[in-house]
Amino acid sequence: MKIRTRKFVGVFAGAVYLVVYSLIAMAVGGALFMDTHSMVQLAYFVIAGTLWLPGMMVIIRWMSRSDEAT
C-alpha cells in the first residue's frame, strides 16, 4: 500500500478511533464516577484523557511507514 493511501485511510481510522474512544470514556466516567468526589472524577478524566495516545500513536506510526518495495 502506498503512503498516500495509508495516510488517507489513517485519517479516517484516527477520527473514528477518537470519536469512539471519547464516547466510551465519557460513558464509563458518567456511569462509574457520577456520585463520587470531584477529585476522583478529575483523576479519572485526566487518566482517560491521556490513554487515547498509545492507540493513536500506533495509527500514526502505521501511516508514516515508507512504501514497501514492489
N, C-alpha and C. Protein backbone atom coordinates (compact mmCIF):
# COMPACT_ATOMS: atom_id res chain seq x y z
N MET A 1 0.85 -1.17 0.00
CA MET A 1 0.00 0.00 0.00
C MET A 1 0.90 1.23 0.00
N LYS A 2 0.55 2.17 -0.83
CA LYS A 2 1.34 3.39 -0.92
C LYS A 2 1.08 4.29 0.29
N ILE A 3 2.03 5.15 0.57
CA ILE A 3 1.94 6.01 1.75
C ILE A 3 0.75 6.96 1.66
N ARG A 4 0.42 7.42 0.46
CA ARG A 4 -0.72 8.33 0.31
C ARG A 4 -2.02 7.63 0.67
N THR A 5 -2.14 6.36 0.28
CA THR A 5 -3.33 5.59 0.61
C THR A 5 -3.40 5.32 2.10
N ARG A 6 -2.25 4.97 2.71
CA ARG A 6 -2.22 4.74 4.16
C ARG A 6 -2.60 5.98 4.93
N LYS A 7 -2.14 7.14 4.49
CA LYS A 7 -2.49 8.38 5.18
C LYS A 7 -3.97 8.69 5.04
N PHE A 8 -4.53 8.43 3.86
CA PHE A 8 -5.95 8.65 3.64
C PHE A 8 -6.79 7.76 4.56
N VAL A 9 -6.44 6.47 4.60
CA VAL A 9 -7.15 5.53 5.48
C VAL A 9 -6.90 5.87 6.94
N GLY A 10 -5.68 6.25 7.27
CA GLY A 10 -5.31 6.55 8.65
C GLY A 10 -6.03 7.76 9.22
N VAL A 11 -6.30 8.76 8.39
CA VAL A 11 -7.04 9.93 8.86
C VAL A 11 -8.43 9.53 9.31
N PHE A 12 -9.10 8.73 8.49
CA PHE A 12 -10.45 8.29 8.86
C PHE A 12 -10.42 7.31 10.03
N ALA A 13 -9.44 6.42 10.06
CA ALA A 13 -9.32 5.49 11.19
C ALA A 13 -9.05 6.24 12.49
N GLY A 14 -8.20 7.25 12.43
CA GLY A 14 -7.92 8.05 13.63
C GLY A 14 -9.12 8.82 14.10
N ALA A 15 -9.87 9.38 13.17
CA ALA A 15 -11.07 10.13 13.56
C ALA A 15 -12.12 9.21 14.19
N VAL A 16 -12.33 8.05 13.59
CA VAL A 16 -13.29 7.09 14.15
C VAL A 16 -12.82 6.61 15.51
N TYR A 17 -11.54 6.32 15.63
CA TYR A 17 -10.98 5.86 16.90
C TYR A 17 -11.19 6.91 18.00
N LEU A 18 -10.91 8.16 17.70
CA LEU A 18 -11.05 9.20 18.71
C LEU A 18 -12.50 9.42 19.12
N VAL A 19 -13.41 9.38 18.17
CA VAL A 19 -14.83 9.55 18.49
C VAL A 19 -15.32 8.40 19.36
N VAL A 20 -15.02 7.18 18.94
CA VAL A 20 -15.47 6.01 19.71
C VAL A 20 -14.83 5.98 21.09
N TYR A 21 -13.53 6.25 21.17
CA TYR A 21 -12.85 6.25 22.46
C TYR A 21 -13.43 7.30 23.40
N SER A 22 -13.66 8.50 22.89
CA SER A 22 -14.17 9.56 23.76
C SER A 22 -15.58 9.25 24.24
N LEU A 23 -16.42 8.69 23.38
CA LEU A 23 -17.77 8.33 23.81
C LEU A 23 -17.75 7.24 24.87
N ILE A 24 -16.89 6.25 24.69
CA ILE A 24 -16.79 5.18 25.69
C ILE A 24 -16.23 5.72 27.00
N ALA A 25 -15.21 6.57 26.93
CA ALA A 25 -14.62 7.13 28.15
C ALA A 25 -15.65 8.00 28.90
N MET A 26 -16.44 8.77 28.17
CA MET A 26 -17.46 9.59 28.83
C MET A 26 -18.55 8.73 29.44
N ALA A 27 -18.95 7.66 28.75
CA ALA A 27 -19.99 6.78 29.28
C ALA A 27 -19.52 6.06 30.54
N VAL A 28 -18.28 5.57 30.50
CA VAL A 28 -17.74 4.89 31.68
C VAL A 28 -17.59 5.88 32.84
N GLY A 29 -17.08 7.04 32.55
CA GLY A 29 -16.93 8.05 33.60
C GLY A 29 -18.26 8.48 34.19
N GLY A 30 -19.25 8.65 33.33
CA GLY A 30 -20.56 9.04 33.83
C GLY A 30 -21.24 7.95 34.63
N ALA A 31 -21.04 6.70 34.23
CA ALA A 31 -21.70 5.59 34.92
C ALA A 31 -21.01 5.24 36.23
N LEU A 32 -19.69 5.29 36.26
CA LEU A 32 -18.98 4.82 37.44
C LEU A 32 -18.64 5.92 38.44
N PHE A 33 -18.45 7.14 37.98
CA PHE A 33 -17.92 8.17 38.85
C PHE A 33 -18.84 9.36 39.03
N MET A 34 -20.12 9.21 38.71
CA MET A 34 -21.04 10.33 38.80
C MET A 34 -21.26 10.78 40.25
N ASP A 35 -21.32 9.85 41.17
CA ASP A 35 -21.63 10.18 42.56
C ASP A 35 -20.40 10.20 43.45
N THR A 36 -19.22 10.27 42.87
CA THR A 36 -18.01 10.26 43.67
C THR A 36 -17.49 11.69 43.85
N HIS A 37 -16.47 11.81 44.64
CA HIS A 37 -15.85 13.10 44.91
C HIS A 37 -15.29 13.70 43.63
N SER A 38 -15.28 15.00 43.54
CA SER A 38 -14.82 15.66 42.32
C SER A 38 -13.35 15.38 42.01
N MET A 39 -12.54 15.13 43.02
CA MET A 39 -11.14 14.82 42.77
C MET A 39 -10.99 13.44 42.13
N VAL A 40 -11.85 12.49 42.49
CA VAL A 40 -11.84 11.17 41.86
C VAL A 40 -12.26 11.30 40.40
N GLN A 41 -13.27 12.11 40.15
CA GLN A 41 -13.70 12.35 38.77
C GLN A 41 -12.58 13.00 37.96
N LEU A 42 -11.93 13.98 38.55
CA LEU A 42 -10.83 14.66 37.87
C LEU A 42 -9.71 13.67 37.54
N ALA A 43 -9.37 12.82 38.51
CA ALA A 43 -8.31 11.83 38.28
C ALA A 43 -8.70 10.88 37.15
N TYR A 44 -9.96 10.43 37.13
CA TYR A 44 -10.39 9.53 36.07
C TYR A 44 -10.28 10.20 34.71
N PHE A 45 -10.78 11.41 34.61
CA PHE A 45 -10.80 12.06 33.30
C PHE A 45 -9.40 12.49 32.85
N VAL A 46 -8.50 12.75 33.77
CA VAL A 46 -7.12 13.02 33.38
C VAL A 46 -6.48 11.75 32.82
N ILE A 47 -6.71 10.63 33.50
CA ILE A 47 -6.15 9.36 33.03
C ILE A 47 -6.80 8.95 31.71
N ALA A 48 -8.13 9.02 31.65
CA ALA A 48 -8.82 8.64 30.42
C ALA A 48 -8.46 9.59 29.28
N GLY A 49 -8.17 10.83 29.61
CA GLY A 49 -7.80 11.79 28.58
C GLY A 49 -6.42 11.58 27.99
N THR A 50 -5.60 10.80 28.65
CA THR A 50 -4.27 10.51 28.11
C THR A 50 -4.14 9.10 27.55
N LEU A 51 -5.09 8.22 27.84
CA LEU A 51 -4.98 6.84 27.37
C LEU A 51 -5.30 6.68 25.89
N TRP A 52 -5.79 7.69 25.22
CA TRP A 52 -6.03 7.59 23.79
C TRP A 52 -4.73 7.68 23.00
N LEU A 53 -3.69 8.20 23.63
CA LEU A 53 -2.43 8.43 22.91
C LEU A 53 -1.77 7.16 22.37
N PRO A 54 -1.65 6.06 23.13
CA PRO A 54 -0.98 4.88 22.56
C PRO A 54 -1.67 4.33 21.32
N GLY A 55 -2.99 4.29 21.33
CA GLY A 55 -3.71 3.81 20.15
C GLY A 55 -3.51 4.72 18.95
N MET A 56 -3.53 6.01 19.18
CA MET A 56 -3.34 6.96 18.09
C MET A 56 -1.90 6.92 17.59
N MET A 57 -0.95 6.67 18.48
CA MET A 57 0.45 6.57 18.07
C MET A 57 0.66 5.37 17.14
N VAL A 58 -0.06 4.27 17.38
CA VAL A 58 0.03 3.11 16.50
C VAL A 58 -0.49 3.46 15.11
N ILE A 59 -1.61 4.16 15.05
CA ILE A 59 -2.18 4.56 13.76
C ILE A 59 -1.23 5.50 13.02
N ILE A 60 -0.66 6.47 13.72
CA ILE A 60 0.25 7.43 13.09
C ILE A 60 1.53 6.74 12.63
N ARG A 61 2.04 5.81 13.43
CA ARG A 61 3.25 5.08 13.04
C ARG A 61 2.98 4.25 11.78
N TRP A 62 1.80 3.62 11.71
CA TRP A 62 1.43 2.85 10.53
C TRP A 62 1.31 3.76 9.31
N MET A 63 0.71 4.93 9.50
CA MET A 63 0.54 5.87 8.39
C MET A 63 1.86 6.34 7.83
N SER A 64 2.85 6.52 8.65
CA SER A 64 4.08 7.16 8.22
C SER A 64 5.17 6.19 7.76
N ARG A 65 4.84 4.90 7.71
CA ARG A 65 5.83 3.94 7.19
C ARG A 65 6.13 4.24 5.73
N SER A 66 7.32 3.89 5.31
CA SER A 66 7.66 4.11 3.91
C SER A 66 7.00 3.04 3.04
N ASP A 67 6.95 3.32 1.73
CA ASP A 67 6.36 2.38 0.81
C ASP A 67 7.16 1.09 0.77
N GLU A 68 6.45 -0.03 0.62
CA GLU A 68 7.13 -1.32 0.51
C GLU A 68 7.74 -1.43 -0.88
N ALA A 69 8.81 -2.16 -0.98
CA ALA A 69 9.45 -2.37 -2.28
C ALA A 69 8.59 -3.34 -3.09
N THR A 70 8.32 -2.99 -4.33
CA THR A 70 7.49 -3.86 -5.18
C THR A 70 8.32 -4.51 -6.26
